[in-house]
Amino acid sequence: MNKIFLFFLLIFFSSVSHAQELRARVSVLSNRVANNVDKKAFQTLETALNNFVNNTKWTTDNFSTNEKIDCSFLLNLESGGDPNVYKATLTIQSGRPVFNSSYVSPMINYQDNDVVFKYVEFQQLEFNDTRVSGTDPLVSNLTAVFAYWIDMILGFDYDSFSMRGGNVYFQKAQNIVNNAPEGRNISGWKAFDGTRNRYWLAENLLNAKYSLFHEAIYDYYRLGMDKLYDQEAVGRTAILNVLSLLNTFNTENTATMILPFFFQAKTQELIQIFSKASPQDKAKALDFLKRLDPTSSNKYEAALK
């Protein structure tokens, strides 16, 4: 009897110690792919990507079921010219639960437009940190892109719980950038590929000049969002202080990628937070938000005026 009990106990702890970090949903759209391509291959790809993302162990930490990070990936394909080669956009979203509430705060909401890869149905999806580029760059590029964004999701999540807690994952993402697949039509990994891409996001997050941004992420969540449901006024004041901090950051560091990246996920949340503020705080928030997130200026103006 004791041996049977011990056997099941070992199975239980084995499953806990290998618990994966993500509760991810991966969707693949193929409406823009030529009609002469068998679309069944993309259902197989969707299943393979869901298994790859959800069943890979991405950290050395143990995550219980309720600690898993909610995230989603939408891969929208089109034909890439060559047989079995596809161009795509990848939309990445992730959220982080707020203390003492059922609310999940959006952390990342970004569309990566620089995805190209080769895929043949039932092809094995593999990724190795020490051999990012693999044997065929176009094949490896798909898993390299997904692994990069998973490291970003983890990095931002860890940053929101402890000061610079996400550093190790931002470094892993930069390792992917430094060793990324290279080849015809592969882009998004180099400084010269554009001003807002995977290269620049990793660079910004590890640049010592931008350390204030990590302080802002931590304060936004631990001093702001996590207080909001029990101490609303305290939480809102802390978030207003974060906007002031980010305004200082923006004044000292123009044209970074991380600032618009942050606000792409935050517009509606910030409107909800400050719509209940005092007229004085609402005016301050509106002034900061119009400077920090000019693309959403009209939305802030309409909601907070």
C-alpha atoms as a PDB file:
ATOM      1  CA  MET A   1       0.000   0.000   0.000  1.00  0.00           C
ATOM      2  CA  ASN A   2       2.790   2.428   0.934  1.00  0.00           C
ATOM      3  CA  LYS A   3       4.590   1.663  -2.332  1.00  0.00           C
ATOM      4  CA  ILE A   4       1.434   2.448  -4.334  1.00  0.00           C
ATOM      5  CA  PHE A   5       0.961   5.699  -2.437  1.00  0.00           C
ATOM      6  CA  LEU A   6       4.608   6.652  -2.993  1.00  0.00           C
ATOM      7  CA  PHE A   7       4.272   5.856  -6.710  1.00  0.00           C
ATOM      8  CA  PHE A   8       1.316   8.221  -7.158  1.00  0.00           C
ATOM      9  CA  LEU A   9       3.005  10.870  -5.007  1.00  0.00           C
ATOM     10  CA  LEU A  10       6.056  10.774  -7.297  1.00  0.00           C
ATOM     11  CA  ILE A  11       3.830  11.112 -10.367  1.00  0.00           C
ATOM     12  CA  PHE A  12       2.060  14.089  -8.780  1.00  0.00           C
ATOM     13  CA  PHE A  13       5.241  15.975  -7.872  1.00  0.00           C
ATOM     14  CA  SER A  14       6.759  15.147 -11.241  1.00  0.00           C
ATOM     15  CA  SER A  15       3.799  16.737 -13.009  1.00  0.00           C
ATOM     16  CA  VAL A  16       3.900  19.807 -10.738  1.00  0.00           C
ATOM     17  CA  SER A  17       7.641  20.352 -11.211  1.00  0.00           C
ATOM     18  CA  HIS A  18       7.236  20.268 -14.988  1.00  0.00           C
ATOM     19  CA  ALA A  19       4.104  22.431 -15.088  1.00  0.00           C
ATOM     20  CA  GLN A  20       4.272  24.749 -18.072  1.00  0.00           C
ATOM     21  CA  GLU A  21       4.047  28.520 -17.723  1.00  0.00           C
ATOM     22  CA  LEU A  22       1.534  29.529 -20.395  1.00  0.00           C
ATOM     23  CA  ARG A  23      -2.167  29.122 -20.956  1.00  0.00           C
ATOM     24  CA  ALA A  24      -1.934  30.014 -24.635  1.00  0.00           C
ATOM     25  CA  ARG A  25      -4.300  29.878 -27.563  1.00  0.00           C
ATOM     26  CA  VAL A  26      -2.704  29.818 -31.013  1.00  0.00           C
ATOM     27  CA  SER A  27      -4.916  30.426 -34.052  1.00  0.00           C
ATOM     28  CA  VAL A  28      -3.847  30.135 -37.690  1.00  0.00           C
ATOM     29  CA  LEU A  29      -5.775  31.962 -40.426  1.00  0.00           C
ATOM     30  CA  SER A  30      -5.222  30.965 -44.055  1.00  0.00           C
ATOM     31  CA  ASN A  31      -7.853  33.008 -45.920  1.00  0.00           C
ATOM     32  CA  ARG A  32      -5.160  34.890 -47.852  1.00  0.00           C
ATOM     33  CA  VAL A  33      -3.310  31.757 -48.969  1.00  0.00           C
ATOM     34  CA  ALA A  34      -3.829  30.694 -52.606  1.00  0.00           C
ATOM     35  CA  ASN A  35      -6.728  28.272 -53.179  1.00  0.00           C
ATOM     36  CA  ASN A  36      -4.484  25.627 -54.757  1.00  0.00           C
ATOM     37  CA  VAL A  37      -2.862  24.953 -51.373  1.00  0.00           C
ATOM     38  CA  ASP A  38      -4.368  22.213 -49.179  1.00  0.00           C
ATOM     39  CA  LYS A  39      -5.741  24.149 -46.190  1.00  0.00           C
ATOM     40  CA  LYS A  40      -5.739  21.027 -44.008  1.00  0.00           C
ATOM     41  CA  ALA A  41      -1.999  21.598 -43.513  1.00  0.00           C
ATOM     42  CA  PHE A  42      -2.800  24.787 -41.589  1.00  0.00           C
ATOM     43  CA  GLN A  43      -5.086  22.961 -39.156  1.00  0.00           C
ATOM     44  CA  THR A  44      -2.164  20.618 -38.513  1.00  0.00           C
ATOM     45  CA  LEU A  45       0.121  23.642 -38.068  1.00  0.00           C
ATOM     46  CA  GLU A  46      -2.315  25.223 -35.597  1.00  0.00           C
ATOM     47  CA  THR A  47      -2.359  22.043 -33.488  1.00  0.00           C
ATOM     48  CA  ALA A  48       1.437  21.755 -33.656  1.00  0.00           C
ATOM     49  CA  LEU A  49       1.924  25.387 -32.587  1.00  0.00           C
ATOM     50  CA  ASN A  50      -0.497  25.015 -29.668  1.00  0.00           C
ATOM     51  CA  ASN A  51       1.451  21.966 -28.507  1.00  0.00           C
ATOM     52  CA  PHE A  52       4.786  23.713 -29.024  1.00  0.00           C
ATOM     53  CA  VAL A  53       3.818  26.810 -27.022  1.00  0.00           C
ATOM     54  CA  ASN A  54       1.866  25.120 -24.232  1.00  0.00           C
ATOM     55  CA  ASN A  55       3.904  21.956 -23.729  1.00  0.00           C
ATOM     56  CA  THR A  56       7.434  23.390 -23.806  1.00  0.00           C
ATOM     57  CA  LYS A  57       9.027  24.293 -20.459  1.00  0.00           C
ATOM     58  CA  TRP A  58      10.165  27.897 -20.952  1.00  0.00           C
ATOM     59  CA  THR A  59      11.512  28.663 -17.458  1.00  0.00           C
ATOM     60  CA  THR A  60      13.071  26.819 -14.529  1.00  0.00           C
ATOM     61  CA  ASP A  61      10.259  27.938 -12.201  1.00  0.00           C
ATOM     62  CA  ASN A  62       7.193  25.941 -11.170  1.00  0.00           C
ATOM     63  CA  PHE A  63       3.796  27.344 -12.137  1.00  0.00           C
ATOM     64  CA  SER A  64       0.554  26.110 -10.598  1.00  0.00           C
ATOM     65  CA  THR A  65      -2.550  26.073 -12.824  1.00  0.00           C
ATOM     66  CA  ASN A  66      -3.840  29.404 -11.509  1.00  0.00           C
ATOM     67  CA  GLU A  67      -0.416  31.035 -12.038  1.00  0.00           C
ATOM     68  CA  LYS A  68      -0.234  30.290 -15.756  1.00  0.00           C
ATOM     69  CA  ILE A  69       0.020  33.335 -18.002  1.00  0.00           C
ATOM     70  CA  ASP A  70      -2.954  33.914 -20.278  1.00  0.00           C
ATOM     71  CA  CYS A  71      -1.841  34.761 -23.801  1.00  0.00           C
ATOM     72  CA  SER A  72      -2.849  34.332 -27.427  1.00  0.00           C
ATOM     73  CA  PHE A  73      -1.162  34.259 -30.827  1.00  0.00           C
ATOM     74  CA  LEU A  74      -2.931  34.885 -34.132  1.00  0.00           C
ATOM     75  CA  LEU A  75      -0.880  33.859 -37.176  1.00  0.00           C
ATOM     76  CA  ASN A  76      -2.443  35.298 -40.355  1.00  0.00           C
ATOM     77  CA  LEU A  77      -0.893  33.697 -43.429  1.00  0.00           C
ATOM     78  CA  GLU A  78      -0.465  34.555 -47.079  1.00  0.00           C
ATOM     79  CA  SER A  79       1.473  32.822 -49.838  1.00  0.00           C
ATOM     80  CA  GLY A  80       5.182  33.611 -49.828  1.00  0.00           C
ATOM     81  CA  GLY A  81       5.972  33.021 -53.492  1.00  0.00           C
ATOM     82  CA  ASP A  82       7.983  29.811 -53.168  1.00  0.00           C
ATOM     83  CA  PRO A  83       6.428  26.375 -52.517  1.00  0.00           C
ATOM     84  CA  ASN A  84       5.577  25.826 -48.828  1.00  0.00           C
ATOM     85  CA  VAL A  85       6.830  29.312 -47.916  1.00  0.00           C
ATOM     86  CA  TYR A  86       4.436  31.710 -46.178  1.00  0.00           C
ATOM     87  CA  LYS A  87       4.462  35.328 -45.133  1.00  0.00           C
ATOM     88  CA  ALA A  88       2.429  36.212 -42.078  1.00  0.00           C
ATOM     89  CA  THR A  89       1.531  38.719 -39.436  1.00  0.00           C
ATOM     90  CA  LEU A  90       1.589  37.506 -35.838  1.00  0.00           C
ATOM     91  CA  THR A  91      -0.623  39.244 -33.279  1.00  0.00           C
ATOM     92  CA  ILE A  92       0.544  38.669 -29.702  1.00  0.00           C
ATOM     93  CA  GLN A  93      -1.580  39.382 -26.646  1.00  0.00           C
ATOM     94  CA  SER A  94      -0.942  38.636 -22.989  1.00  0.00           C
ATOM     95  CA  GLY A  95      -2.483  39.601 -19.683  1.00  0.00           C
ATOM     96  CA  ARG A  96      -1.679  39.626 -16.004  1.00  0.00           C
ATOM     97  CA  PRO A  97      -4.239  39.041 -13.198  1.00  0.00           C
ATOM     98  CA  VAL A  98      -4.769  41.892 -10.779  1.00  0.00           C
ATOM     99  CA  PHE A  99      -4.549  41.155  -7.051  1.00  0.00           C
ATOM    100  CA  ASN A 100      -7.841  40.504  -5.261  1.00  0.00           C
ATOM    101  CA  SER A 101      -9.934  40.702  -8.429  1.00  0.00           C
ATOM    102  CA  SER A 102     -11.041  38.672 -11.445  1.00  0.00           C
ATOM    103  CA  TYR A 103      -9.689  41.353 -13.783  1.00  0.00           C
ATOM    104  CA  VAL A 104      -6.837  40.489 -16.163  1.00  0.00           C
ATOM    105  CA  SER A 105      -4.791  43.545 -17.120  1.00  0.00           C
ATOM    106  CA  PRO A 106      -3.531  43.560 -20.737  1.00  0.00           C
ATOM    107  CA  MET A 107       0.270  43.615 -20.895  1.00  0.00           C
ATOM    108  CA  ILE A 108       1.103  43.041 -24.561  1.00  0.00           C
ATOM    109  CA  ASN A 109      -0.996  43.774 -27.625  1.00  0.00           C
ATOM    110  CA  TYR A 110       1.280  43.874 -30.642  1.00  0.00           C
ATOM    111  CA  GLN A 111       1.295  42.840 -34.290  1.00  0.00           C
ATOM    112  CA  ASP A 112       4.584  41.558 -35.726  1.00  0.00           C
ATOM    113  CA  ASN A 113       4.484  42.106 -39.488  1.00  0.00           C
ATOM    114  CA  ASP A 114       7.858  40.507 -40.257  1.00  0.00           C
ATOM    115  CA  VAL A 115       7.137  36.779 -40.209  1.00  0.00           C
ATOM    116  CA  VAL A 116       8.165  34.449 -43.030  1.00  0.00           C
ATOM    117  CA  PHE A 117       8.714  30.693 -42.790  1.00  0.00           C
ATOM    118  CA  LYS A 118       8.626  27.360 -44.569  1.00  0.00           C
ATOM    119  CA  TYR A 119       6.194  24.677 -43.467  1.00  0.00           C
ATOM    120  CA  VAL A 120       5.292  21.240 -44.784  1.00  0.00           C
ATOM    121  CA  GLU A 121       2.452  19.373 -43.087  1.00  0.00           C
ATOM    122  CA  PHE A 122       3.565  17.270 -40.078  1.00  0.00           C
ATOM    123  CA  GLN A 123       6.941  19.017 -40.039  1.00  0.00           C
ATOM    124  CA  GLN A 124       8.438  18.866 -36.520  1.00  0.00           C
ATOM    125  CA  LEU A 125       8.474  22.203 -34.683  1.00  0.00           C
ATOM    126  CA  GLU A 126      11.726  22.481 -32.767  1.00  0.00           C
ATOM    127  CA  PHE A 127      13.594  25.239 -30.980  1.00  0.00           C
ATOM    128  CA  ASN A 128      16.977  25.213 -29.276  1.00  0.00           C
ATOM    129  CA  ASP A 129      18.396  28.277 -27.455  1.00  0.00           C
ATOM    130  CA  THR A 130      21.913  27.222 -28.421  1.00  0.00           C
ATOM    131  CA  ARG A 131      21.082  26.598 -32.073  1.00  0.00           C
ATOM    132  CA  VAL A 132      18.441  29.157 -32.937  1.00  0.00           C
ATOM    133  CA  SER A 133      19.030  29.188 -36.695  1.00  0.00           C
ATOM    134  CA  GLY A 134      18.787  25.388 -37.057  1.00  0.00           C
ATOM    135  CA  THR A 135      19.668  23.660 -40.336  1.00  0.00           C
ATOM    136  CA  ASP A 136      17.140  25.498 -42.534  1.00  0.00           C
ATOM    137  CA  PRO A 137      16.695  29.202 -41.691  1.00  0.00           C
ATOM    138  CA  LEU A 138      13.189  29.441 -43.185  1.00  0.00           C
ATOM    139  CA  VAL A 139      12.025  26.425 -41.201  1.00  0.00           C
ATOM    140  CA  SER A 140      13.649  27.643 -37.978  1.00  0.00           C
ATOM    141  CA  ASN A 141      12.347  31.187 -38.314  1.00  0.00           C
ATOM    142  CA  LEU A 142       8.809  30.223 -37.246  1.00  0.00           C
ATOM    143  CA  THR A 143       9.836  28.723 -33.905  1.00  0.00           C
ATOM    144  CA  ALA A 144      12.460  31.445 -33.353  1.00  0.00           C
ATOM    145  CA  VAL A 145       9.756  34.123 -33.699  1.00  0.00           C
ATOM    146  CA  PHE A 146       7.409  32.297 -31.322  1.00  0.00           C
ATOM    147  CA  ALA A 147      10.172  31.648 -28.766  1.00  0.00           C
ATOM    148  CA  TYR A 148      11.174  35.331 -28.901  1.00  0.00           C
ATOM    149  CA  TRP A 149       7.632  36.500 -28.147  1.00  0.00           C
ATOM    150  CA  ILE A 150       7.201  33.924 -25.406  1.00  0.00           C
ATOM    151  CA  ASP A 151      10.351  35.295 -23.737  1.00  0.00           C
ATOM    152  CA  MET A 152       8.862  38.783 -24.041  1.00  0.00           C
ATOM    153  CA  ILE A 153       5.591  37.647 -22.457  1.00  0.00           C
ATOM    154  CA  LEU A 154       7.516  36.062 -19.597  1.00  0.00           C
ATOM    155  CA  GLY A 155       9.811  39.081 -19.216  1.00  0.00           C
ATOM    156  CA  PHE A 156       6.985  41.587 -18.904  1.00  0.00           C
ATOM    157  CA  ASP A 157       5.085  39.316 -16.518  1.00  0.00           C
ATOM    158  CA  TYR A 158       8.106  38.846 -14.237  1.00  0.00           C
ATOM    159  CA  ASP A 159       8.916  42.584 -14.422  1.00  0.00           C
ATOM    160  CA  SER A 160       5.430  43.344 -13.098  1.00  0.00           C
ATOM    161  CA  PHE A 161       5.994  41.257  -9.942  1.00  0.00           C
ATOM    162  CA  SER A 162       9.589  42.143  -9.043  1.00  0.00           C
ATOM    163  CA  MET A 163      11.927  44.986 -10.006  1.00  0.00           C
ATOM    164  CA  ARG A 164      13.766  43.947 -13.176  1.00  0.00           C
ATOM    165  CA  GLY A 165      12.542  40.405 -12.607  1.00  0.00           C
ATOM    166  CA  GLY A 166      12.120  39.910 -16.352  1.00  0.00           C
ATOM    167  CA  ASN A 167      15.761  40.578 -17.211  1.00  0.00           C
ATOM    168  CA  VAL A 168      16.703  36.938 -17.745  1.00  0.00           C
ATOM    169  CA  TYR A 169      13.907  36.527 -20.315  1.00  0.00           C
ATOM    170  CA  PHE A 170      14.744  39.768 -22.115  1.00  0.00           C
ATOM    171  CA  GLN A 171      18.317  38.455 -22.343  1.00  0.00           C
ATOM    172  CA  LYS A 172      17.019  35.166 -23.752  1.00  0.00           C
ATOM    173  CA  ALA A 173      15.056  37.151 -26.331  1.00  0.00           C
ATOM    174  CA  GLN A 174      18.190  39.094 -27.246  1.00  0.00           C
ATOM    175  CA  ASN A 175      20.084  35.817 -27.607  1.00  0.00           C
ATOM    176  CA  ILE A 176      17.491  34.784 -30.199  1.00  0.00           C
ATOM    177  CA  VAL A 177      17.976  38.129 -31.961  1.00  0.00           C
ATOM    178  CA  ASN A 178      21.771  37.726 -31.993  1.00  0.00           C
ATOM    179  CA  ASN A 179      21.573  34.178 -33.382  1.00  0.00           C
ATOM    180  CA  ALA A 180      18.447  34.521 -35.490  1.00  0.00           C
ATOM    181  CA  PRO A 181      17.995  32.714 -38.808  1.00  0.00           C
ATOM    182  CA  GLU A 182      19.287  34.646 -41.810  1.00  0.00           C
ATOM    183  CA  GLY A 183      18.131  34.320 -45.371  1.00  0.00           C
ATOM    184  CA  ARG A 184      16.201  35.816 -48.246  1.00  0.00           C
ATOM    185  CA  ASN A 185      13.075  37.677 -47.087  1.00  0.00           C
ATOM    186  CA  ILE A 186      13.759  36.980 -43.376  1.00  0.00           C
ATOM    187  CA  SER A 187      13.491  40.284 -41.512  1.00  0.00           C
ATOM    188  CA  GLY A 188      12.698  41.837 -38.144  1.00  0.00           C
ATOM    189  CA  TRP A 189      15.887  40.642 -36.459  1.00  0.00           C
ATOM    190  CA  LYS A 190      18.266  43.437 -37.540  1.00  0.00           C
ATOM    191  CA  ALA A 191      18.636  47.090 -36.563  1.00  0.00           C
ATOM    192  CA  PHE A 192      18.395  48.119 -40.218  1.00  0.00           C
ATOM    193  CA  ASP A 193      15.131  46.194 -40.779  1.00  0.00           C
ATOM    194  CA  GLY A 194      13.159  49.116 -39.342  1.00  0.00           C
ATOM    195  CA  THR A 195      12.785  51.325 -36.287  1.00  0.00           C
ATOM    196  CA  ARG A 196      10.213  49.117 -34.534  1.00  0.00           C
ATOM    197  CA  ASN A 197      10.906  45.430 -34.700  1.00  0.00           C
ATOM    198  CA  ARG A 198      12.117  42.506 -32.605  1.00  0.00           C
ATOM    199  CA  TYR A 199      15.684  43.830 -32.573  1.00  0.00           C
ATOM    200  CA  TRP A 200      14.745  47.235 -31.171  1.00  0.00           C
ATOM    201  CA  LEU A 201      12.347  45.940 -28.542  1.00  0.00           C
ATOM    202  CA  ALA A 202      15.011  43.647 -27.061  1.00  0.00           C
ATOM    203  CA  GLU A 203      17.628  46.405 -27.327  1.00  0.00           C
ATOM    204  CA  ASN A 204      15.417  48.925 -25.523  1.00  0.00           C
ATOM    205  CA  LEU A 205      14.537  46.531 -22.722  1.00  0.00           C
ATOM    206  CA  LEU A 206      18.195  45.769 -21.979  1.00  0.00           C
ATOM    207  CA  ASN A 207      19.583  49.269 -22.542  1.00  0.00           C
ATOM    208  CA  ALA A 208      20.838  50.682 -19.220  1.00  0.00           C
ATOM    209  CA  LYS A 209      19.735  54.175 -20.327  1.00  0.00           C
ATOM    210  CA  TYR A 210      16.115  53.015 -20.206  1.00  0.00           C
ATOM    211  CA  SER A 211      16.107  51.437 -16.734  1.00  0.00           C
ATOM    212  CA  LEU A 212      13.417  53.926 -15.632  1.00  0.00           C
ATOM    213  CA  PHE A 213      10.958  52.060 -17.850  1.00  0.00           C
ATOM    214  CA  HIS A 214      11.325  48.879 -15.752  1.00  0.00           C
ATOM    215  CA  GLU A 215      10.661  50.888 -12.600  1.00  0.00           C
ATOM    216  CA  ALA A 216       7.498  52.211 -14.240  1.00  0.00           C
ATOM    217  CA  ILE A 217       6.273  48.697 -15.144  1.00  0.00           C
ATOM    218  CA  TYR A 218       6.810  47.472 -11.586  1.00  0.00           C
ATOM    219  CA  ASP A 219       5.167  50.527 -10.005  1.00  0.00           C
ATOM    220  CA  TYR A 220       2.226  50.412 -12.437  1.00  0.00           C
ATOM    221  CA  TYR A 221       1.336  46.900 -11.301  1.00  0.00           C
ATOM    222  CA  ARG A 222       2.520  46.428  -7.723  1.00  0.00           C
ATOM    223  CA  LEU A 223       1.772  49.946  -6.453  1.00  0.00           C
ATOM    224  CA  GLY A 224      -1.065  50.755  -8.853  1.00  0.00           C
ATOM    225  CA  MET A 225      -3.132  47.935 -10.337  1.00  0.00           C
ATOM    226  CA  ASP A 226      -2.695  45.550  -7.385  1.00  0.00           C
ATOM    227  CA  LYS A 227      -3.996  48.230  -4.996  1.00  0.00           C
ATOM    228  CA  LEU A 228      -6.827  49.461  -7.206  1.00  0.00           C
ATOM    229  CA  TYR A 229      -9.571  47.111  -6.010  1.00  0.00           C
ATOM    230  CA  ASP A 230      -8.934  47.465  -2.262  1.00  0.00           C
ATOM    231  CA  GLN A 231      -7.578  51.021  -2.179  1.00  0.00           C
ATOM    232  CA  GLU A 232      -8.821  52.665  -5.346  1.00  0.00           C
ATOM    233  CA  ALA A 233      -7.582  56.194  -4.629  1.00  0.00           C
ATOM    234  CA  VAL A 234      -4.129  54.913  -3.601  1.00  0.00           C
ATOM    235  CA  GLY A 235      -3.839  52.760  -6.716  1.00  0.00           C
ATOM    236  CA  ARG A 236      -4.968  55.542  -9.038  1.00  0.00           C
ATOM    237  CA  THR A 237      -2.484  58.006  -7.490  1.00  0.00           C
ATOM    238  CA  ALA A 238       0.322  55.482  -8.001  1.00  0.00           C
ATOM    239  CA  ILE A 239      -0.626  55.066 -11.675  1.00  0.00           C
ATOM    240  CA  LEU A 240      -0.707  58.847 -12.101  1.00  0.00           C
ATOM    241  CA  ASN A 241       2.820  58.907 -10.644  1.00  0.00           C
ATOM    242  CA  VAL A 242       3.826  56.257 -13.191  1.00  0.00           C
ATOM    243  CA  LEU A 243       2.534  58.485 -16.009  1.00  0.00           C
ATOM    244  CA  SER A 244       4.662  61.294 -14.597  1.00  0.00           C
ATOM    245  CA  LEU A 245       7.652  58.923 -14.490  1.00  0.00           C
ATOM    246  CA  LEU A 246       7.040  57.861 -18.102  1.00  0.00           C
ATOM    247  CA  ASN A 247       6.733  61.506 -19.127  1.00  0.00           C
ATOM    248  CA  THR A 248      10.207  62.122 -17.682  1.00  0.00           C
ATOM    249  CA  PHE A 249      11.441  59.001 -19.475  1.00  0.00           C
ATOM    250  CA  ASN A 250       9.938  60.208 -22.766  1.00  0.00           C
ATOM    251  CA  THR A 251      11.486  63.662 -22.417  1.00  0.00           C
ATOM    252  CA  GLU A 252      14.933  62.176 -21.853  1.00  0.00           C
ATOM    253  CA  ASN A 253      14.601  59.387 -24.453  1.00  0.00           C
ATOM    254  CA  THR A 254      12.693  60.279 -27.588  1.00  0.00           C
ATOM    255  CA  ALA A 255      11.606  57.802 -30.278  1.00  0.00           C
ATOM    256  CA  THR A 256      12.042  54.599 -28.257  1.00  0.00           C
ATOM    257  CA  MET A 257      10.065  51.497 -29.190  1.00  0.00           C
ATOM    258  CA  ILE A 258       9.147  50.439 -25.655  1.00  0.00           C
ATOM    259  CA  LEU A 259       6.908  53.426 -24.887  1.00  0.00           C
ATOM    260  CA  PRO A 260       4.425  52.976 -27.775  1.00  0.00           C
ATOM    261  CA  PHE A 261       4.708  49.201 -27.259  1.00  0.00           C
ATOM    262  CA  PHE A 262       3.513  49.651 -23.663  1.00  0.00           C
ATOM    263  CA  PHE A 263       0.631  51.970 -24.546  1.00  0.00           C
ATOM    264  CA  GLN A 264      -0.666  49.756 -27.356  1.00  0.00           C
ATOM    265  CA  ALA A 265      -2.101  47.496 -24.665  1.00  0.00           C
ATOM    266  CA  LYS A 266      -3.117  50.191 -22.197  1.00  0.00           C
ATOM    267  CA  THR A 267      -5.398  52.801 -23.805  1.00  0.00           C
ATOM    268  CA  GLN A 268      -8.770  51.412 -22.710  1.00  0.00           C
ATOM    269  CA  GLU A 269      -7.515  50.387 -19.290  1.00  0.00           C
ATOM    270  CA  LEU A 270      -6.175  53.875 -18.566  1.00  0.00           C
ATOM    271  CA  ILE A 271      -9.412  55.470 -19.726  1.00  0.00           C
ATOM    272  CA  GLN A 272     -11.351  53.267 -17.291  1.00  0.00           C
ATOM    273  CA  ILE A 273      -8.971  54.038 -14.436  1.00  0.00           C
ATOM    274  CA  PHE A 274      -9.080  57.827 -14.814  1.00  0.00           C
ATOM    275  CA  SER A 275     -12.715  58.204 -15.849  1.00  0.00           C
ATOM    276  CA  LYS A 276     -13.535  57.953 -12.110  1.00  0.00           C
ATOM    277  CA  ALA A 277     -10.748  60.313 -10.985  1.00  0.00           C
ATOM    278  CA  SER A 278     -11.228  63.756  -9.490  1.00  0.00           C
ATOM    279  CA  PRO A 279     -11.363  66.588 -12.074  1.00  0.00           C
ATOM    280  CA  GLN A 280      -7.834  67.655 -11.061  1.00  0.00           C
ATOM    281  CA  ASP A 281      -6.331  64.165 -11.466  1.00  0.00           C
ATOM    282  CA  LYS A 282      -8.300  63.589 -14.647  1.00  0.00           C
ATOM    283  CA  ALA A 283      -6.821  66.757 -16.147  1.00  0.00           C
ATOM    284  CA  LYS A 284      -3.292  65.709 -15.150  1.00  0.00           C
ATOM    285  CA  ALA A 285      -3.770  62.228 -16.587  1.00  0.00           C
ATOM    286  CA  LEU A 286      -5.179  63.612 -19.832  1.00  0.00           C
ATOM    287  CA  ASP A 287      -2.191  65.929 -20.246  1.00  0.00           C
ATOM    288  CA  PHE A 288       0.283  63.070 -19.711  1.00  0.00           C
ATOM    289  CA  LEU A 289      -1.595  60.603 -21.900  1.00  0.00           C
ATOM    290  CA  LYS A 290      -1.859  62.943 -24.875  1.00  0.00           C
ATOM    291  CA  ARG A 291       1.910  63.420 -24.774  1.00  0.00           C
ATOM    292  CA  LEU A 292       2.795  59.794 -24.112  1.00  0.00           C
ATOM    293  CA  ASP A 293       0.310  58.127 -26.463  1.00  0.00           C
ATOM    294  CA  PRO A 294      -0.458  60.676 -29.206  1.00  0.00           C
ATOM    295  CA  THR A 295      -2.005  58.081 -31.557  1.00  0.00           C
ATOM    296  CA  SER A 296      -4.856  57.635 -29.046  1.00  0.00           C
ATOM    297  CA  SER A 297      -5.114  61.319 -28.180  1.00  0.00           C
ATOM    298  CA  ASN A 298      -8.683  61.659 -29.519  1.00  0.00           C
ATOM    299  CA  LYS A 299      -9.874  58.696 -27.423  1.00  0.00           C
ATOM    300  CA  TYR A 300      -8.416  60.171 -24.244  1.00  0.00           C
ATOM    301  CA  GLU A 301      -9.836  63.584 -25.086  1.00  0.00           C
ATOM    302  CA  ALA A 302     -13.331  62.202 -25.643  1.00  0.00           C
ATOM    303  CA  ALA A 303     -13.335  60.078 -22.487  1.00  0.00           C
ATOM    304  CA  LEU A 304     -11.513  62.276 -19.974  1.00  0.00           C
ATOM    305  CA  LYS A 305     -12.297  65.856 -20.953  1.00  0.00           C
END
